[in-house]
C-alpha atoms as a PDB file:
ATOM      1  CA  UNK A   1     -32.245 -18.465  16.200  1.00  0.00           C
ATOM      2  CA  UNK A   2     -35.041 -19.933  13.928  1.00  0.00           C
ATOM      3  CA  UNK A   3     -33.834 -22.023  10.829  1.00  0.00           C
ATOM      4  CA  UNK A   4     -35.685 -18.756   8.985  1.00  0.00           C
ATOM      5  CA  UNK A   5     -33.249 -16.329  10.814  1.00  0.00           C
ATOM      6  CA  UNK A   6     -30.307 -18.256   9.914  1.00  0.00           C
ATOM      7  CA  UNK A   7     -30.951 -18.211   6.437  1.00  0.00           C
ATOM      8  CA  UNK A   8     -31.768 -14.487   6.482  1.00  0.00           C
ATOM      9  CA  UNK A   9     -28.178 -13.938   8.034  1.00  0.00           C
ATOM     10  CA  UNK A  10     -26.460 -16.157   5.826  1.00  0.00           C
ATOM     11  CA  UNK A  11     -28.401 -14.298   2.849  1.00  0.00           C
ATOM     12  CA  UNK A  12     -26.905 -10.960   4.159  1.00  0.00           C
ATOM     13  CA  UNK A  13     -23.382 -12.377   4.920  1.00  0.00           C
ATOM     14  CA  UNK A  14     -23.271 -13.071   1.175  1.00  0.00           C
ATOM     15  CA  UNK A  15     -24.389  -9.851  -0.029  1.00  0.00           C
ATOM     16  CA  UNK A  16     -22.270  -8.240   1.824  1.00  0.00           C
ATOM     17  CA  UNK A  17     -18.748  -9.373   0.694  1.00  0.00           C
ATOM     18  CA  UNK A  18     -19.181  -7.001  -2.345  1.00  0.00           C
ATOM     19  CA  UNK A  19     -18.250  -9.716  -4.539  1.00  0.00           C
ATOM     20  CA  UNK A  20     -14.740 -10.493  -3.521  1.00  0.00           C
ATOM     21  CA  UNK A  21     -15.823 -13.787  -2.140  1.00  0.00           C
ATOM     22  CA  UNK A  22     -14.948 -15.630   1.219  1.00  0.00           C
ATOM     23  CA  UNK A  23     -11.096 -16.518  -0.058  1.00  0.00           C
ATOM     24  CA  UNK A  24      -9.661 -13.344  -1.016  1.00  0.00           C
ATOM     25  CA  UNK A  25     -11.407 -11.588   1.421  1.00  0.00           C
ATOM     26  CA  UNK A  26     -10.006 -13.894   3.904  1.00  0.00           C
ATOM     27  CA  UNK A  27      -6.370 -14.665   2.707  1.00  0.00           C
ATOM     28  CA  UNK A  28      -5.766 -11.377   1.040  1.00  0.00           C
ATOM     29  CA  UNK A  29      -2.950  -9.061   2.938  1.00  0.00           C
ATOM     30  CA  UNK A  30      -3.503  -6.048   0.566  1.00  0.00           C
ATOM     31  CA  UNK A  31      -5.810  -3.201   0.252  1.00  0.00           C
ATOM     32  CA  UNK A  32      -8.939  -4.560  -1.945  1.00  0.00           C
ATOM     33  CA  UNK A  33      -9.217  -1.018  -3.471  1.00  0.00           C
ATOM     34  CA  UNK A  34      -5.894   0.949  -4.863  1.00  0.00           C
ATOM     35  CA  UNK A  35      -6.380   4.876  -4.438  1.00  0.00           C
ATOM     36  CA  UNK A  36      -7.124   5.322  -8.194  1.00  0.00           C
ATOM     37  CA  UNK A  37      -9.752   2.861  -8.229  1.00  0.00           C
ATOM     38  CA  UNK A  38      -8.025  -0.176  -8.952  1.00  0.00           C
ATOM     39  CA  UNK A  39      -8.346  -4.023  -7.874  1.00  0.00           C
ATOM     40  CA  UNK A  40      -5.917  -5.819  -6.280  1.00  0.00           C
ATOM     41  CA  UNK A  41      -6.961  -9.308  -7.468  1.00  0.00           C
ATOM     42  CA  UNK A  42      -5.343 -10.704 -10.529  1.00  0.00           C
ATOM     43  CA  UNK A  43      -6.616 -13.061 -13.483  1.00  0.00           C
ATOM     44  CA  UNK A  44      -4.521 -16.111 -14.486  1.00  0.00           C
ATOM     45  CA  UNK A  45      -4.755 -18.905 -16.793  1.00  0.00           C
ATOM     46  CA  UNK A  46      -5.883 -17.232 -20.053  1.00  0.00           C
ATOM     47  CA  UNK A  47      -3.680 -17.523 -23.054  1.00  0.00           C
ATOM     48  CA  UNK A  48      -1.118 -14.622 -23.893  1.00  0.00           C
ATOM     49  CA  UNK A  49      -3.849 -12.778 -26.346  1.00  0.00           C
ATOM     50  CA  UNK A  50      -6.797 -13.624 -24.318  1.00  0.00           C
ATOM     51  CA  UNK A  51      -5.557 -11.681 -21.142  1.00  0.00           C
ATOM     52  CA  UNK A  52      -4.344  -8.881 -23.768  1.00  0.00           C
ATOM     53  CA  UNK A  53      -7.148  -6.448 -23.704  1.00  0.00           C
ATOM     54  CA  UNK A  54      -5.257  -3.737 -26.281  1.00  0.00           C
ATOM     55  CA  UNK A  55      -8.383  -1.771 -26.491  1.00  0.00           C
ATOM     56  CA  UNK A  56      -9.372  -1.457 -23.493  1.00  0.00           C
ATOM     57  CA  UNK A  57      -5.656  -1.020 -22.317  1.00  0.00           C
ATOM     58  CA  UNK A  58      -5.403   1.945 -25.559  1.00  0.00           C
ATOM     59  CA  UNK A  59      -8.807   3.728 -24.251  1.00  0.00           C
ATOM     60  CA  UNK A  60      -7.966   4.056 -20.533  1.00  0.00           C
ATOM     61  CA  UNK A  61      -4.261   4.555 -20.386  1.00  0.00           C
ATOM     62  CA  UNK A  62      -2.854   8.452 -19.761  1.00  0.00           C
ATOM     63  CA  UNK A  63      -2.815  10.781 -23.151  1.00  0.00           C
ATOM     64  CA  UNK A  64       1.168  11.121 -22.629  1.00  0.00           C
ATOM     65  CA  UNK A  65       1.316   7.036 -22.392  1.00  0.00           C
ATOM     66  CA  UNK A  66      -1.289   6.642 -25.201  1.00  0.00           C
ATOM     67  CA  UNK A  67       0.886   9.390 -27.909  1.00  0.00           C
ATOM     68  CA  UNK A  68       3.829   8.033 -26.847  1.00  0.00           C
ATOM     69  CA  UNK A  69       2.613   4.458 -27.807  1.00  0.00           C
ATOM     70  CA  UNK A  70       1.458   5.698 -31.267  1.00  0.00           C
ATOM     71  CA  UNK A  71       4.512   7.763 -32.035  1.00  0.00           C
ATOM     72  CA  UNK A  72       6.913   4.791 -31.008  1.00  0.00           C
ATOM     73  CA  UNK A  73       4.322   2.725 -33.569  1.00  0.00           C
ATOM     74  CA  UNK A  74       4.748   5.178 -36.414  1.00  0.00           C
ATOM     75  CA  UNK A  75       8.486   5.594 -35.954  1.00  0.00           C
ATOM     76  CA  UNK A  76       8.809   1.714 -35.446  1.00  0.00           C
ATOM     77  CA  UNK A  77       6.474   0.494 -38.808  1.00  0.00           C
ATOM     78  CA  UNK A  78       8.578   3.121 -40.841  1.00  0.00           C
ATOM     79  CA  UNK A  79      11.834   2.228 -39.699  1.00  0.00           C
ATOM     80  CA  UNK A  80      10.673  -1.765 -40.269  1.00  0.00           C
ATOM     81  CA  UNK A  81       9.649  -0.421 -44.088  1.00  0.00           C
ATOM     82  CA  UNK A  82      13.016   1.559 -44.709  1.00  0.00           C
ATOM     83  CA  UNK A  83      14.809  -1.778 -43.831  1.00  0.00           C
ATOM     84  CA  UNK A  84      12.324  -3.681 -46.086  1.00  0.00           C
ATOM     85  CA  UNK A  85      12.998  -1.345 -48.787  1.00  0.00           C
ATOM     86  CA  UNK A  86      16.818  -1.361 -48.513  1.00  0.00           C
ATOM     87  CA  UNK A  87      16.737  -5.010 -48.612  1.00  0.00           C
ATOM     88  CA  UNK A  88      14.764  -4.767 -52.068  1.00  0.00           C
ATOM     89  CA  UNK A  89      17.886  -3.981 -53.434  1.00  0.00           C
ATOM     90  CA  UNK A  90      20.026  -1.314 -54.974  1.00  0.00           C
ATOM     91  CA  UNK A  91      17.424  -0.524 -57.341  1.00  0.00           C
ATOM     92  CA  UNK A  92      14.441  -0.520 -55.156  1.00  0.00           C
ATOM     93  CA  UNK A  93      13.946   3.302 -55.252  1.00  0.00           C
ATOM     94  CA  UNK A  94      15.286   5.779 -57.517  1.00  0.00           C
ATOM     95  CA  UNK A  95      18.838   7.223 -57.139  1.00  0.00           C
ATOM     96  CA  UNK A  96      19.228   4.464 -54.426  1.00  0.00           C
ATOM     97  CA  UNK A  97      22.406   2.790 -56.720  1.00  0.00           C
ATOM     98  CA  UNK A  98      24.666   6.091 -56.259  1.00  0.00           C
ATOM     99  CA  UNK A  99      24.280   5.980 -52.384  1.00  0.00           C
ATOM    100  CA  UNK A 100      26.162   4.675 -49.486  1.00  0.00           C
ATOM    101  CA  UNK A 101      24.150   2.208 -47.133  1.00  0.00           C
ATOM    102  CA  UNK A 102      23.659   4.371 -44.541  1.00  0.00           C
ATOM    103  CA  UNK A 103      22.161   7.078 -46.986  1.00  0.00           C
ATOM    104  CA  UNK A 104      20.033   4.593 -48.629  1.00  0.00           C
ATOM    105  CA  UNK A 105      18.213   3.812 -45.068  1.00  0.00           C
ATOM    106  CA  UNK A 106      17.505   7.416 -44.395  1.00  0.00           C
ATOM    107  CA  UNK A 107      16.125   7.936 -47.838  1.00  0.00           C
ATOM    108  CA  UNK A 108      13.948   4.835 -47.581  1.00  0.00           C
ATOM    109  CA  UNK A 109      13.293   5.880 -44.153  1.00  0.00           C
ATOM    110  CA  UNK A 110      11.720   9.449 -45.144  1.00  0.00           C
ATOM    111  CA  UNK A 111      10.326   7.597 -48.488  1.00  0.00           C
ATOM    112  CA  UNK A 112       8.515   5.238 -46.028  1.00  0.00           C
ATOM    113  CA  UNK A 113       7.085   8.139 -43.974  1.00  0.00           C
ATOM    114  CA  UNK A 114       5.922   9.887 -47.132  1.00  0.00           C
ATOM    115  CA  UNK A 115       4.154   6.722 -48.670  1.00  0.00           C
ATOM    116  CA  UNK A 116       2.774   5.924 -44.894  1.00  0.00           C
ATOM    117  CA  UNK A 117       0.705   9.072 -44.635  1.00  0.00           C
ATOM    118  CA  UNK A 118      -0.048   9.356 -48.331  1.00  0.00           C
ATOM    119  CA  UNK A 119       2.132  12.663 -48.676  1.00  0.00           C
ATOM    120  CA  UNK A 120       4.026  11.655 -51.915  1.00  0.00           C
ATOM    121  CA  UNK A 121       6.167  14.623 -52.306  1.00  0.00           C
ATOM    122  CA  UNK A 122       7.322  12.772 -55.443  1.00  0.00           C
ATOM    123  CA  UNK A 123      11.172  12.919 -55.502  1.00  0.00           C
ATOM    124  CA  UNK A 124      11.527   9.394 -54.327  1.00  0.00           C
ATOM    125  CA  UNK A 125       9.884   6.277 -56.633  1.00  0.00           C
ATOM    126  CA  UNK A 126       9.761   2.852 -56.197  1.00  0.00           C
ATOM    127  CA  UNK A 127      11.505   1.198 -59.195  1.00  0.00           C
ATOM    128  CA  UNK A 128      11.704  -2.574 -58.928  1.00  0.00           C
ATOM    129  CA  UNK A 129       8.833  -5.215 -58.102  1.00  0.00           C
ATOM    130  CA  UNK A 130       9.548  -6.054 -54.843  1.00  0.00           C
ATOM    131  CA  UNK A 131       9.275  -1.591 -54.039  1.00  0.00           C
ATOM    132  CA  UNK A 132       6.058  -1.838 -55.768  1.00  0.00           C
ATOM    133  CA  UNK A 133       4.838  -4.885 -53.585  1.00  0.00           C
ATOM    134  CA  UNK A 134       5.939  -3.162 -50.503  1.00  0.00           C
ATOM    135  CA  UNK A 135       4.558   0.358 -51.263  1.00  0.00           C
ATOM    136  CA  UNK A 136       1.308  -1.131 -51.789  1.00  0.00           C
ATOM    137  CA  UNK A 137       1.861  -3.148 -48.499  1.00  0.00           C
ATOM    138  CA  UNK A 138       2.521  -0.272 -46.679  1.00  0.00           C
ATOM    139  CA  UNK A 139      -0.388   1.843 -48.217  1.00  0.00           C
ATOM    140  CA  UNK A 140      -2.643  -0.539 -46.677  1.00  0.00           C
ATOM    141  CA  UNK A 141      -1.237  -0.455 -43.250  1.00  0.00           C
ATOM    142  CA  UNK A 142      -0.845   3.332 -43.431  1.00  0.00           C
ATOM    143  CA  UNK A 143      -4.765   3.424 -44.041  1.00  0.00           C
ATOM    144  CA  UNK A 144      -5.533   0.834 -41.736  1.00  0.00           C
ATOM    145  CA  UNK A 145      -3.187   2.264 -38.808  1.00  0.00           C
ATOM    146  CA  UNK A 146      -4.486   5.455 -39.141  1.00  0.00           C
ATOM    147  CA  UNK A 147      -8.208   4.550 -39.092  1.00  0.00           C
ATOM    148  CA  UNK A 148      -7.145   2.560 -36.147  1.00  0.00           C
ATOM    149  CA  UNK A 149      -5.574   5.652 -34.329  1.00  0.00           C
ATOM    150  CA  UNK A 150      -8.506   8.096 -35.449  1.00  0.00           C
ATOM    151  CA  UNK A 151     -10.960   5.603 -34.030  1.00  0.00           C
ATOM    152  CA  UNK A 152      -9.259   5.171 -30.568  1.00  0.00           C
ATOM    153  CA  UNK A 153      -8.481   8.932 -30.274  1.00  0.00           C
ATOM    154  CA  UNK A 154     -12.671   9.700 -30.832  1.00  0.00           C
ATOM    155  CA  UNK A 155     -12.809   7.001 -28.578  1.00  0.00           C
ATOM    156  CA  UNK A 156     -10.848   8.309 -26.005  1.00  0.00           C
ATOM    157  CA  UNK A 157     -12.607  11.789 -26.069  1.00  0.00           C
ATOM    158  CA  UNK A 158     -15.894  10.333 -26.425  1.00  0.00           C
ATOM    159  CA  UNK A 159     -15.734   7.926 -23.089  1.00  0.00           C
ATOM    160  CA  UNK A 160     -17.506   9.499 -20.081  1.00  0.00           C
ATOM    161  CA  UNK A 161     -15.705   8.941 -17.129  1.00  0.00           C
ATOM    162  CA  UNK A 162     -15.935  11.088 -13.445  1.00  0.00           C
ATOM    163  CA  UNK A 163     -12.592  12.437 -12.746  1.00  0.00           C
ATOM    164  CA  UNK A 164     -13.528  12.938  -9.224  1.00  0.00           C
ATOM    165  CA  UNK A 165     -10.733  14.076  -7.005  1.00  0.00           C
ATOM    166  CA  UNK A 166     -10.323  12.252  -3.339  1.00  0.00           C
ATOM    167  CA  UNK A 167      -8.670  13.847  -0.236  1.00  0.00           C
ATOM    168  CA  UNK A 168      -5.517  11.930   0.568  1.00  0.00           C
ATOM    169  CA  UNK A 169      -6.551  11.326   4.000  1.00  0.00           C
ATOM    170  CA  UNK A 170      -9.851  10.936   5.922  1.00  0.00           C
ATOM    171  CA  UNK A 171     -10.278  12.103   9.064  1.00  0.00           C
ATOM    172  CA  UNK A 172     -11.824  11.633  12.707  1.00  0.00           C
ATOM    173  CA  UNK A 173     -13.040  14.981  13.362  1.00  0.00           C
ATOM    174  CA  UNK A 174     -15.455  16.737  16.061  1.00  0.00           C
ATOM    175  CA  UNK A 175     -19.084  16.557  14.713  1.00  0.00           C
ATOM    176  CA  UNK A 176     -21.787  17.843  16.421  1.00  0.00           C
ATOM    177  CA  UNK A 177     -21.177  16.595  20.251  1.00  0.00           C
ATOM    178  CA  UNK A 178     -19.465  13.552  18.853  1.00  0.00           C
ATOM    179  CA  UNK A 179     -17.144  12.565  16.221  1.00  0.00           C
ATOM    180  CA  UNK A 180     -17.558  11.730  12.684  1.00  0.00           C
ATOM    181  CA  UNK A 181     -14.986   9.752   9.940  1.00  0.00           C
ATOM    182  CA  UNK A 182     -14.953  12.479   6.884  1.00  0.00           C
ATOM    183  CA  UNK A 183     -13.418  12.595   3.692  1.00  0.00           C
ATOM    184  CA  UNK A 184     -13.796  14.958   0.769  1.00  0.00           C
ATOM    185  CA  UNK A 185     -14.356  14.753  -2.803  1.00  0.00           C
ATOM    186  CA  UNK A 186     -14.252  17.604  -5.694  1.00  0.00           C
ATOM    187  CA  UNK A 187     -14.801  17.253  -9.555  1.00  0.00           C
ATOM    188  CA  UNK A 188     -12.075  18.284 -11.229  1.00  0.00           C
ATOM    189  CA  UNK A 189     -13.451  18.614 -14.474  1.00  0.00           C
ATOM    190  CA  UNK A 190     -15.141  21.613 -15.670  1.00  0.00           C
ATOM    191  CA  UNK A 191     -18.436  19.592 -16.177  1.00  0.00           C
ATOM    192  CA  UNK A 192     -21.423  19.023 -14.570  1.00  0.00           C
ATOM    193  CA  UNK A 193     -22.341  16.112 -11.864  1.00  0.00           C
ATOM    194  CA  UNK A 194     -26.078  15.686 -10.686  1.00  0.00           C
ATOM    195  CA  UNK A 195     -27.470  13.390  -8.224  1.00  0.00           C
ATOM    196  CA  UNK A 196     -24.351  12.256  -7.074  1.00  0.00           C
ATOM    197  CA  UNK A 197     -24.736   9.284  -5.094  1.00  0.00           C
ATOM    198  CA  UNK A 198     -22.059   7.810  -2.735  1.00  0.00           C
ATOM    199  CA  UNK A 199     -21.740   4.314  -0.898  1.00  0.00           C
ATOM    200  CA  UNK A 200     -18.941   3.944   1.861  1.00  0.00           C
ATOM    201  CA  UNK A 201     -18.474   0.539   3.601  1.00  0.00           C
ATOM    202  CA  UNK A 202     -16.090  -0.704   6.331  1.00  0.00           C
ATOM    203  CA  UNK A 203     -13.569  -3.994   5.303  1.00  0.00           C
ATOM    204  CA  UNK A 204     -12.181  -5.314   8.548  1.00  0.00           C
ATOM    205  CA  UNK A 205     -11.159  -8.705  10.151  1.00  0.00           C
ATOM    206  CA  UNK A 206     -13.916 -10.121  12.331  1.00  0.00           C
ATOM    207  CA  UNK A 207     -13.726  -9.376  15.911  1.00  0.00           C
ATOM    208  CA  UNK A 208     -11.944 -12.401  18.006  1.00  0.00           C
ATOM    209  CA  UNK A 209      -8.914 -12.551  15.873  1.00  0.00           C
ATOM    210  CA  UNK A 210     -10.498 -14.680  13.222  1.00  0.00           C
ATOM    211  CA  UNK A 211      -9.100 -14.497   9.759  1.00  0.00           C
ATOM    212  CA  UNK A 212     -12.679 -13.880   8.337  1.00  0.00           C
ATOM    213  CA  UNK A 213     -13.488 -10.160   7.077  1.00  0.00           C
ATOM    214  CA  UNK A 214     -16.377  -8.538   7.483  1.00  0.00           C
ATOM    215  CA  UNK A 215     -17.911  -5.834   5.309  1.00  0.00           C
ATOM    216  CA  UNK A 216     -20.403  -2.961   6.847  1.00  0.00           C
ATOM    217  CA  UNK A 217     -22.117  -0.646   5.138  1.00  0.00           C
ATOM    218  CA  UNK A 218     -21.596   2.349   6.909  1.00  0.00           C
ATOM    219  CA  UNK A 219     -24.210   5.300   7.456  1.00  0.00           C
ATOM    220  CA  UNK A 220     -23.778   8.472   6.117  1.00  0.00           C
ATOM    221  CA  UNK A 221     -24.927  12.048   7.213  1.00  0.00           C
ATOM    222  CA  UNK A 222     -26.213  11.925   3.505  1.00  0.00           C
ATOM    223  CA  UNK A 223     -25.656   9.583   0.652  1.00  0.00           C
ATOM    224  CA  UNK A 224     -26.486  11.995  -2.192  1.00  0.00           C
ATOM    225  CA  UNK A 225     -26.489  15.740  -3.257  1.00  0.00           C
ATOM    226  CA  UNK A 226     -28.415  17.182  -6.023  1.00  0.00           C
ATOM    227  CA  UNK A 227     -25.957  19.137  -7.429  1.00  0.00           C
ATOM    228  CA  UNK A 228     -22.420  18.813  -7.045  1.00  0.00           C
ATOM    229  CA  UNK A 229     -20.558  22.434  -7.860  1.00  0.00           C
ATOM    230  CA  UNK A 230     -17.944  22.518  -5.809  1.00  0.00           C
ATOM    231  CA  UNK A 231     -16.820  20.010  -3.264  1.00  0.00           C
ATOM    232  CA  UNK A 232     -18.517  17.768  -0.990  1.00  0.00           C
ATOM    233  CA  UNK A 233     -17.666  16.509   2.506  1.00  0.00           C
ATOM    234  CA  UNK A 234     -19.239  12.888   3.263  1.00  0.00           C
ATOM    235  CA  UNK A 235     -19.713  12.480   7.020  1.00  0.00           C
ATOM    236  CA  UNK A 236     -20.282   9.000   8.767  1.00  0.00           C
ATOM    237  CA  UNK A 237     -21.179  10.060  12.264  1.00  0.00           C
ATOM    238  CA  UNK A 238     -19.999   8.077  14.592  1.00  0.00           C
ATOM    239  CA  UNK A 239     -22.594   7.394  17.201  1.00  0.00           C
ATOM    240  CA  UNK A 240     -23.900   4.073  19.019  1.00  0.00           C
ATOM    241  CA  UNK A 241     -24.933   2.470  15.937  1.00  0.00           C
ATOM    242  CA  UNK A 242     -21.500   3.050  14.227  1.00  0.00           C
ATOM    243  CA  UNK A 243     -18.658   0.134  13.767  1.00  0.00           C
ATOM    244  CA  UNK A 244     -16.591   2.718  14.948  1.00  0.00           C
ATOM    245  CA  UNK A 245     -17.807   3.314  18.170  1.00  0.00           C
ATOM    246  CA  UNK A 246     -15.641   2.666  21.000  1.00  0.00           C
ATOM    247  CA  UNK A 247     -12.459   1.982  18.477  1.00  0.00           C
ATOM    248  CA  UNK A 248      -9.138   3.569  19.094  1.00  0.00           C
ATOM    249  CA  UNK A 249      -6.777   4.196  16.423  1.00  0.00           C
ATOM    250  CA  UNK A 250      -4.714   1.359  17.712  1.00  0.00           C
ATOM    251  CA  UNK A 251      -7.255  -1.053  17.154  1.00  0.00           C
ATOM    252  CA  UNK A 252      -8.580   0.058  14.222  1.00  0.00           C
ATOM    253  CA  UNK A 253      -5.510  -0.129  12.665  1.00  0.00           C
ATOM    254  CA  UNK A 254      -4.717  -3.809  13.965  1.00  0.00           C
ATOM    255  CA  UNK A 255      -7.905  -5.248  12.114  1.00  0.00           C
ATOM    256  CA  UNK A 256      -6.649  -4.626   8.925  1.00  0.00           C
ATOM    257  CA  UNK A 257      -9.599  -1.990   8.303  1.00  0.00           C
ATOM    258  CA  UNK A 258     -10.360  -0.316   4.938  1.00  0.00           C
ATOM    259  CA  UNK A 259     -12.800   2.380   3.967  1.00  0.00           C
ATOM    260  CA  UNK A 260     -13.968   1.269   0.367  1.00  0.00           C
ATOM    261  CA  UNK A 261     -15.571   4.612  -1.447  1.00  0.00           C
ATOM    262  CA  UNK A 262     -18.375   3.938  -4.389  1.00  0.00           C
ATOM    263  CA  UNK A 263     -19.230   7.531  -6.076  1.00  0.00           C
ATOM    264  CA  UNK A 264     -21.738   7.216  -8.667  1.00  0.00           C
ATOM    265  CA  UNK A 265     -23.283  10.487 -10.553  1.00  0.00           C
ATOM    266  CA  UNK A 266     -25.078  11.875 -13.744  1.00  0.00           C
ATOM    267  CA  UNK A 267     -22.983  13.592 -16.387  1.00  0.00           C
ATOM    268  CA  UNK A 268     -24.925  16.079 -18.041  1.00  0.00           C
ATOM    269  CA  UNK A 269     -21.915  16.647 -21.082  1.00  0.00           C
ATOM    270  CA  UNK A 270     -22.477  12.931 -21.789  1.00  0.00           C
ATOM    271  CA  UNK A 271     -26.352  12.082 -20.648  1.00  0.00           C
ATOM    272  CA  UNK A 272     -24.545   9.178 -19.258  1.00  0.00           C
ATOM    273  CA  UNK A 273     -23.878   7.680 -15.816  1.00  0.00           C
ATOM    274  CA  UNK A 274     -20.454   7.836 -14.399  1.00  0.00           C
ATOM    275  CA  UNK A 275     -18.571   6.346 -11.294  1.00  0.00           C
ATOM    276  CA  UNK A 276     -15.424   6.155  -9.796  1.00  0.00           C
ATOM    277  CA  UNK A 277     -14.091   4.636  -6.197  1.00  0.00           C
ATOM    278  CA  UNK A 278     -11.154   4.365  -3.813  1.00  0.00           C
ATOM    279  CA  UNK A 279     -10.592   3.661  -0.435  1.00  0.00           C
ATOM    280  CA  UNK A 280      -8.927   4.910   2.786  1.00  0.00           C
ATOM    281  CA  UNK A 281      -6.605   2.304   4.645  1.00  0.00           C
ATOM    282  CA  UNK A 282      -5.982   2.899   8.517  1.00  0.00           C
ATOM    283  CA  UNK A 283      -2.867   4.444   8.083  1.00  0.00           C
ATOM    284  CA  UNK A 284      -4.562   7.088   5.735  1.00  0.00           C
ATOM    285  CA  UNK A 285      -7.244   8.054   8.297  1.00  0.00           C
ATOM    286  CA  UNK A 286      -5.687  10.939  10.752  1.00  0.00           C
ATOM    287  CA  UNK A 287      -7.490  10.703  13.989  1.00  0.00           C
ATOM    288  CA  UNK A 288      -8.135  14.132  15.790  1.00  0.00           C
ATOM    289  CA  UNK A 289      -8.249  16.681  12.690  1.00  0.00           C
ATOM    290  CA  UNK A 290     -10.418  19.126  11.167  1.00  0.00           C
ATOM    291  CA  UNK A 291     -10.461  19.918   7.057  1.00  0.00           C
ATOM    292  CA  UNK A 292      -9.249  23.201   6.273  1.00  0.00           C
ATOM    293  CA  UNK A 293     -11.856  25.422   5.000  1.00  0.00           C
ATOM    294  CA  UNK A 294     -11.365  25.198   0.708  1.00  0.00           C
ATOM    295  CA  UNK A 295     -13.456  28.285   0.361  1.00  0.00           C
ATOM    296  CA  UNK A 296     -11.683  31.347  -0.892  1.00  0.00           C
ATOM    297  CA  UNK A 297     -12.448  34.992   0.079  1.00  0.00           C
ATOM    298  CA  UNK A 298     -15.738  36.640  -1.356  1.00  0.00           C
ATOM    299  CA  UNK A 299     -14.871  38.236  -4.599  1.00  0.00           C
ATOM    300  CA  UNK A 300     -16.678  41.831  -5.461  1.00  0.00           C
ATOM    301  CA  UNK A 301     -19.000  40.079  -7.770  1.00  0.00           C
ATOM    302  CA  UNK A 302     -20.379  37.929  -5.458  1.00  0.00           C
ATOM    303  CA  UNK A 303     -18.986  34.952  -6.553  1.00  0.00           C
ATOM    304  CA  UNK A 304     -18.198  31.709  -4.401  1.00  0.00           C
ATOM    305  CA  UNK A 305     -15.027  29.843  -5.361  1.00  0.00           C
ATOM    306  CA  UNK A 306     -13.264  27.275  -3.720  1.00  0.00           C
ATOM    307  CA  UNK A 307      -9.517  26.003  -3.368  1.00  0.00           C
ATOM    308  CA  UNK A 308      -9.058  22.505  -5.044  1.00  0.00           C
ATOM    309  CA  UNK A 309      -5.185  22.721  -3.548  1.00  0.00           C
ATOM    310  CA  UNK A 310      -6.722  22.571  -0.232  1.00  0.00           C
ATOM    311  CA  UNK A 311      -8.934  19.615  -0.403  1.00  0.00           C
ATOM    312  CA  UNK A 312      -6.472  17.592   1.572  1.00  0.00           C
ATOM    313  CA  UNK A 313      -5.395  19.915   4.029  1.00  0.00           C
ATOM    314  CA  UNK A 314      -6.245  19.455   7.691  1.00  0.00           C
ATOM    315  CA  UNK A 315      -5.807  20.744  11.029  1.00  0.00           C
ATOM    316  CA  UNK A 316      -5.007  18.348  14.109  1.00  0.00           C
ATOM    317  CA  UNK A 317      -6.751  18.893  17.088  1.00  0.00           C
ATOM    318  CA  UNK A 318      -7.823  16.718  20.294  1.00  0.00           C
ATOM    319  CA  UNK A 319     -10.632  14.799  20.488  1.00  0.00           C
ATOM    320  CA  UNK A 320     -12.805  15.382  23.960  1.00  0.00           C
END
């Protein structure tokens, strides 16, 4: 091998590690990509506030979690100001002096709700200086808080995301006289994604029992679909050029293999590129199976439909 060939090979190896680096590729004993697309690599050494991406976290968590945090912050803020109003004295709010302590706390809480949300029914009013200062502070907190929550809600609705579902398993199935690695994807949302491209990479320990990993880009039957209205079965034919050629299920699992999948497409609703990723480990690949049909029986009006609940259904068959 010439020096030029050696440099070319080294450059190809550098580009093939996908950005995980040699240390992670060699030492990690966990999957690189979780099924939801998150990475199994942690970053440490930053301060608490530096490592707390609050804005990103609030944008990416689920709606139930987001609404739960908003409700918790709303109730907690009102409870805090209720305690402060009670601490301001028996003459802080109108009618306080004639009420028992538990009733004061309840009335102070609801007065805080009226103030924070700028409702102002007028049946309770601040009396002394401390209460008026607290009202001033709480009004500012309410204005900033609702503006922030409104901005976050708008950003969550406006942020383009690709809600593409992956089949629960990949399969090794008969394909045109040979076999092929297959998995299915479908668009979960009603929006249209066009020019969807797929990149599939095999990560495994190198042959020979070494700890080093290799990353091999798998050739696909087709790497792109211009239209993605239904489901797409992504196929890697297992021929003489495939790293799967001659492999068995046992040897495939022994090399700690993982199939990394990256999808990129154009979302017509937002006019922006969206992407998603996932992976399949050895125990998530079913050898000797075929996917069940997702198509529903034809309707009288001629409309074609697919049943997304059948995305992961397959039938086990013996490979020739």
